[in-house]
Protein backbone atom coordinates (compact mmCIF):
# COMPACT_ATOMS: atom_id res chain seq x y z
CA UNK A 1 -10.55 -3.95 3.01
CA UNK A 2 -9.82 -7.66 3.16
CA UNK A 3 -8.04 -9.89 0.65
CA UNK A 4 -8.57 -13.56 -0.05
CA UNK A 5 -5.96 -15.40 -1.99
CA UNK A 6 -6.41 -18.84 -3.61
CA UNK A 7 -2.84 -20.14 -3.97
CA UNK A 8 -0.53 -23.14 -4.29
CA UNK A 9 2.36 -23.12 -2.00
CA UNK A 10 4.71 -24.09 -4.84
CA UNK A 11 3.75 -21.06 -6.99
CA UNK A 12 6.25 -18.23 -6.79
CA UNK A 13 3.64 -15.63 -7.82
CA UNK A 14 1.41 -16.79 -4.98
CA UNK A 15 4.31 -16.44 -2.58
CA UNK A 16 4.99 -12.95 -3.84
CA UNK A 17 1.35 -11.89 -3.64
CA UNK A 18 1.12 -13.10 -0.01
CA UNK A 19 4.35 -11.37 0.85
CA UNK A 20 3.23 -8.07 -0.82
CA UNK A 21 -0.09 -7.95 1.15
CA UNK A 22 1.64 -8.89 4.38
CA UNK A 23 4.23 -6.09 3.88
CA UNK A 24 1.44 -3.65 3.29
CA UNK A 25 -0.19 -4.91 6.52
CA UNK A 26 -3.49 -5.81 4.73
CA UNK A 27 -6.02 -8.11 6.30
CA UNK A 28 -5.82 -11.31 4.38
CA UNK A 29 -7.04 -14.85 4.20
CA UNK A 30 -5.02 -17.62 2.51
CA UNK A 31 -6.74 -20.56 0.90
CA UNK A 32 -3.99 -23.00 -0.02
CA UNK A 33 -4.82 -25.92 -2.35
CA UNK A 34 -2.99 -29.23 -2.04
CA UNK A 35 -2.17 -31.33 -5.01
CA UNK A 36 -5.13 -33.67 -4.28
CA UNK A 37 -7.53 -30.79 -4.38
CA UNK A 38 -6.63 -29.77 -7.96
CA UNK A 39 -10.15 -30.59 -9.21
CA UNK A 40 -11.71 -28.13 -6.83
CA UNK A 41 -9.27 -25.44 -7.83
CA UNK A 42 -9.88 -26.21 -11.41
CA UNK A 43 -13.62 -25.62 -10.94
CA UNK A 44 -12.90 -22.29 -9.28
CA UNK A 45 -10.66 -21.15 -12.10
CA UNK A 46 -13.21 -22.20 -14.64
CA UNK A 47 -15.93 -20.25 -12.89
CA UNK A 48 -13.88 -17.11 -13.14
CA UNK A 49 -12.38 -17.96 -16.61
CA UNK A 50 -9.03 -17.69 -15.01
CA UNK A 51 -6.19 -20.14 -15.87
CA UNK A 52 -3.63 -19.63 -13.11
CA UNK A 53 -3.03 -19.05 -9.40
CA UNK A 54 -2.98 -16.89 -7.44
CA UNK A 55 -6.61 -15.87 -7.72
CA UNK A 56 -6.95 -12.74 -5.60
CA UNK A 57 -10.22 -11.37 -4.30
CA UNK A 58 -10.89 -8.07 -2.47
CA UNK A 59 -13.74 -7.81 -0.05
CA UNK A 60 -14.80 -4.24 0.86
CA UNK A 61 -16.46 -3.04 4.07
CA UNK A 62 -19.85 -3.64 2.67
CA UNK A 63 -18.93 -7.35 1.97
CA UNK A 64 -18.83 -6.79 -1.79
CA UNK A 65 -16.38 -9.32 -3.39
CA UNK A 66 -14.31 -8.09 -6.33
CA UNK A 67 -12.06 -10.51 -8.28
CA UNK A 68 -8.84 -8.68 -8.80
CA UNK A 69 -6.94 -11.22 -10.74
CA UNK A 70 -3.41 -12.53 -10.31
CA UNK A 71 -0.13 -11.13 -8.98
CA UNK A 72 0.49 -8.54 -11.63
CA UNK A 73 -3.06 -7.27 -11.29
CA UNK A 74 -2.55 -6.90 -7.52
CA UNK A 75 0.78 -5.02 -8.11
CA UNK A 76 -1.17 -2.60 -10.42
CA UNK A 77 -3.39 -1.61 -7.48
CA UNK A 78 -2.64 1.36 -5.26
CA UNK A 79 -2.70 -0.44 -1.92
């Protein structure tokens, strides 16, 4: 299982999501958006009808991508 996190470095929930996955020794990829990339992040959030970051995706062994949600959705998973 692999995780992809779309984050902003200034977001405390993003920091906690990254920390949780690292503590659980999960394979993860971080995509960090800078302030000048806000328009790109907004398009991604609109595509998933998701208002905030982090946006957390799970990729299984068959390369199927599952949108998990945010930090509280991640903590609800049994990782």
